[in-house]
Amino acid sequence: MSVPDHHTVTLLVRQGCHGCVEAERDIDRICGELGVPWTSEDVDDNRELRAEYGDRVPVILVDGREHGYWRVEEERLRAALR
């Protein structure tokens, strides 16, 4: 199994979500320090994402796989991105 030489982070959010705003700040800081690209996507703009993740936002995906939800666990995220 090959290991990617770079990672991507996607943060699934929803408008009006206070936890999502906090998670965006944390993700921006951590990914910025590590040079990891990240994006955010509103689950309410995608029926499939809303059905799967809508009750757990914010949700963090690392390389397309669910890494965590509700809050950013900084040390765990940093370890996953090393």
C-alpha atoms as a PDB file:
ATOM      1  CA  MET A   1       0.000   0.000   0.000  1.00  0.00           C
ATOM      2  CA  SER A   2       1.477   3.324  -1.006  1.00  0.00           C
ATOM      3  CA  VAL A   3       1.418   6.375   1.231  1.00  0.00           C
ATOM      4  CA  PRO A   4       0.546   9.697  -0.397  1.00  0.00           C
ATOM      5  CA  ASP A   5       3.350  12.247  -0.459  1.00  0.00           C
ATOM      6  CA  HIS A   6       0.834  14.977   0.300  1.00  0.00           C
ATOM      7  CA  HIS A   7      -2.494  15.218   2.074  1.00  0.00           C
ATOM      8  CA  THR A   8      -5.670  17.187   1.624  1.00  0.00           C
ATOM      9  CA  VAL A   9      -8.191  18.193   4.247  1.00  0.00           C
ATOM     10  CA  THR A  10     -11.858  18.891   3.647  1.00  0.00           C
ATOM     11  CA  LEU A  11     -14.000  20.439   6.340  1.00  0.00           C
ATOM     12  CA  LEU A  12     -17.728  19.783   6.042  1.00  0.00           C
ATOM     13  CA  VAL A  13     -19.707  22.660   7.508  1.00  0.00           C
ATOM     14  CA  ARG A  14     -23.126  24.298   7.647  1.00  0.00           C
ATOM     15  CA  GLN A  15     -24.113  27.957   7.737  1.00  0.00           C
ATOM     16  CA  GLY A  16     -24.869  29.265  11.229  1.00  0.00           C
ATOM     17  CA  CYS A  17     -22.785  26.574  12.925  1.00  0.00           C
ATOM     18  CA  HIS A  18     -20.631  28.091  15.676  1.00  0.00           C
ATOM     19  CA  GLY A  19     -18.526  24.916  15.956  1.00  0.00           C
ATOM     20  CA  CYS A  20     -17.889  25.072  12.218  1.00  0.00           C
ATOM     21  CA  VAL A  21     -16.445  28.573  12.525  1.00  0.00           C
ATOM     22  CA  GLU A  22     -14.106  27.400  15.298  1.00  0.00           C
ATOM     23  CA  ALA A  23     -13.087  24.333  13.294  1.00  0.00           C
ATOM     24  CA  GLU A  24     -12.347  26.479  10.229  1.00  0.00           C
ATOM     25  CA  ARG A  25     -10.020  28.652  12.310  1.00  0.00           C
ATOM     26  CA  ASP A  26      -8.225  25.614  13.724  1.00  0.00           C
ATOM     27  CA  ILE A  27      -7.940  23.860  10.347  1.00  0.00           C
ATOM     28  CA  ASP A  28      -6.687  27.043   8.680  1.00  0.00           C
ATOM     29  CA  ARG A  29      -3.997  27.504  11.325  1.00  0.00           C
ATOM     30  CA  ILE A  30      -2.858  23.867  11.456  1.00  0.00           C
ATOM     31  CA  CYS A  31      -2.917  23.268   7.703  1.00  0.00           C
ATOM     32  CA  GLY A  32      -1.233  26.625   7.124  1.00  0.00           C
ATOM     33  CA  GLU A  33       1.602  25.696   9.474  1.00  0.00           C
ATOM     34  CA  LEU A  34       2.021  22.295   7.808  1.00  0.00           C
ATOM     35  CA  GLY A  35       1.557  23.478   4.217  1.00  0.00           C
ATOM     36  CA  VAL A  36      -1.434  21.198   3.691  1.00  0.00           C
ATOM     37  CA  PRO A  37      -4.181  22.360   1.307  1.00  0.00           C
ATOM     38  CA  TRP A  38      -7.699  22.415   2.669  1.00  0.00           C
ATOM     39  CA  THR A  39     -11.188  23.329   1.560  1.00  0.00           C
ATOM     40  CA  SER A  40     -14.597  23.552   3.148  1.00  0.00           C
ATOM     41  CA  GLU A  41     -17.906  22.364   1.778  1.00  0.00           C
ATOM     42  CA  ASP A  42     -21.409  23.160   3.019  1.00  0.00           C
ATOM     43  CA  VAL A  43     -23.307  19.905   3.578  1.00  0.00           C
ATOM     44  CA  ASP A  44     -26.592  21.663   2.835  1.00  0.00           C
ATOM     45  CA  ASP A  45     -25.454  22.212  -0.767  1.00  0.00           C
ATOM     46  CA  ASN A  46     -25.130  18.467  -1.390  1.00  0.00           C
ATOM     47  CA  ARG A  47     -27.951  16.021  -0.615  1.00  0.00           C
ATOM     48  CA  GLU A  48     -25.603  13.037  -0.187  1.00  0.00           C
ATOM     49  CA  LEU A  49     -23.262  14.887   2.174  1.00  0.00           C
ATOM     50  CA  ARG A  50     -26.207  16.227   4.173  1.00  0.00           C
ATOM     51  CA  ALA A  51     -27.670  12.719   4.536  1.00  0.00           C
ATOM     52  CA  GLU A  52     -24.378  11.202   5.681  1.00  0.00           C
ATOM     53  CA  TYR A  53     -22.773  13.978   7.718  1.00  0.00           C
ATOM     54  CA  GLY A  54     -25.456  16.596   8.409  1.00  0.00           C
ATOM     55  CA  ASP A  55     -26.009  15.695  12.054  1.00  0.00           C
ATOM     56  CA  ARG A  56     -22.279  15.687  12.885  1.00  0.00           C
ATOM     57  CA  VAL A  57     -20.883  18.915  11.419  1.00  0.00           C
ATOM     58  CA  PRO A  58     -18.212  20.037  11.460  1.00  0.00           C
ATOM     59  CA  VAL A  59     -16.696  16.891   9.970  1.00  0.00           C
ATOM     60  CA  ILE A  60     -13.014  16.645   9.041  1.00  0.00           C
ATOM     61  CA  LEU A  61     -12.002  14.504   6.073  1.00  0.00           C
ATOM     62  CA  VAL A  62      -8.333  13.698   5.503  1.00  0.00           C
ATOM     63  CA  ASP A  63      -7.623  12.443   2.004  1.00  0.00           C
ATOM     64  CA  GLY A  64     -11.349  11.873   1.532  1.00  0.00           C
ATOM     65  CA  ARG A  65     -11.783   9.719   4.628  1.00  0.00           C
ATOM     66  CA  GLU A  66     -13.574  10.737   7.791  1.00  0.00           C
ATOM     67  CA  HIS A  67     -11.041  11.755  10.412  1.00  0.00           C
ATOM     68  CA  GLY A  68     -13.246  13.303  13.077  1.00  0.00           C
ATOM     69  CA  TYR A  69     -16.257  15.436  13.835  1.00  0.00           C
ATOM     70  CA  TRP A  70     -17.641  18.106  16.169  1.00  0.00           C
ATOM     71  CA  ARG A  71     -14.186  19.442  17.087  1.00  0.00           C
ATOM     72  CA  VAL A  72     -10.605  19.471  15.871  1.00  0.00           C
ATOM     73  CA  GLU A  73      -8.307  17.241  17.902  1.00  0.00           C
ATOM     74  CA  GLU A  74      -5.118  19.098  17.071  1.00  0.00           C
ATOM     75  CA  GLU A  75      -2.458  16.527  17.983  1.00  0.00           C
ATOM     76  CA  ARG A  76      -4.391  13.723  16.279  1.00  0.00           C
ATOM     77  CA  LEU A  77      -4.829  15.808  13.124  1.00  0.00           C
ATOM     78  CA  ARG A  78      -1.170  16.808  13.076  1.00  0.00           C
ATOM     79  CA  ALA A  79      -0.170  13.141  13.395  1.00  0.00           C
ATOM     80  CA  ALA A  80      -2.433  12.174  10.493  1.00  0.00           C
ATOM     81  CA  LEU A  81      -0.887  14.882   8.308  1.00  0.00           C
ATOM     82  CA  ARG A  82       2.749  13.966   9.005  1.00  0.00           C
END
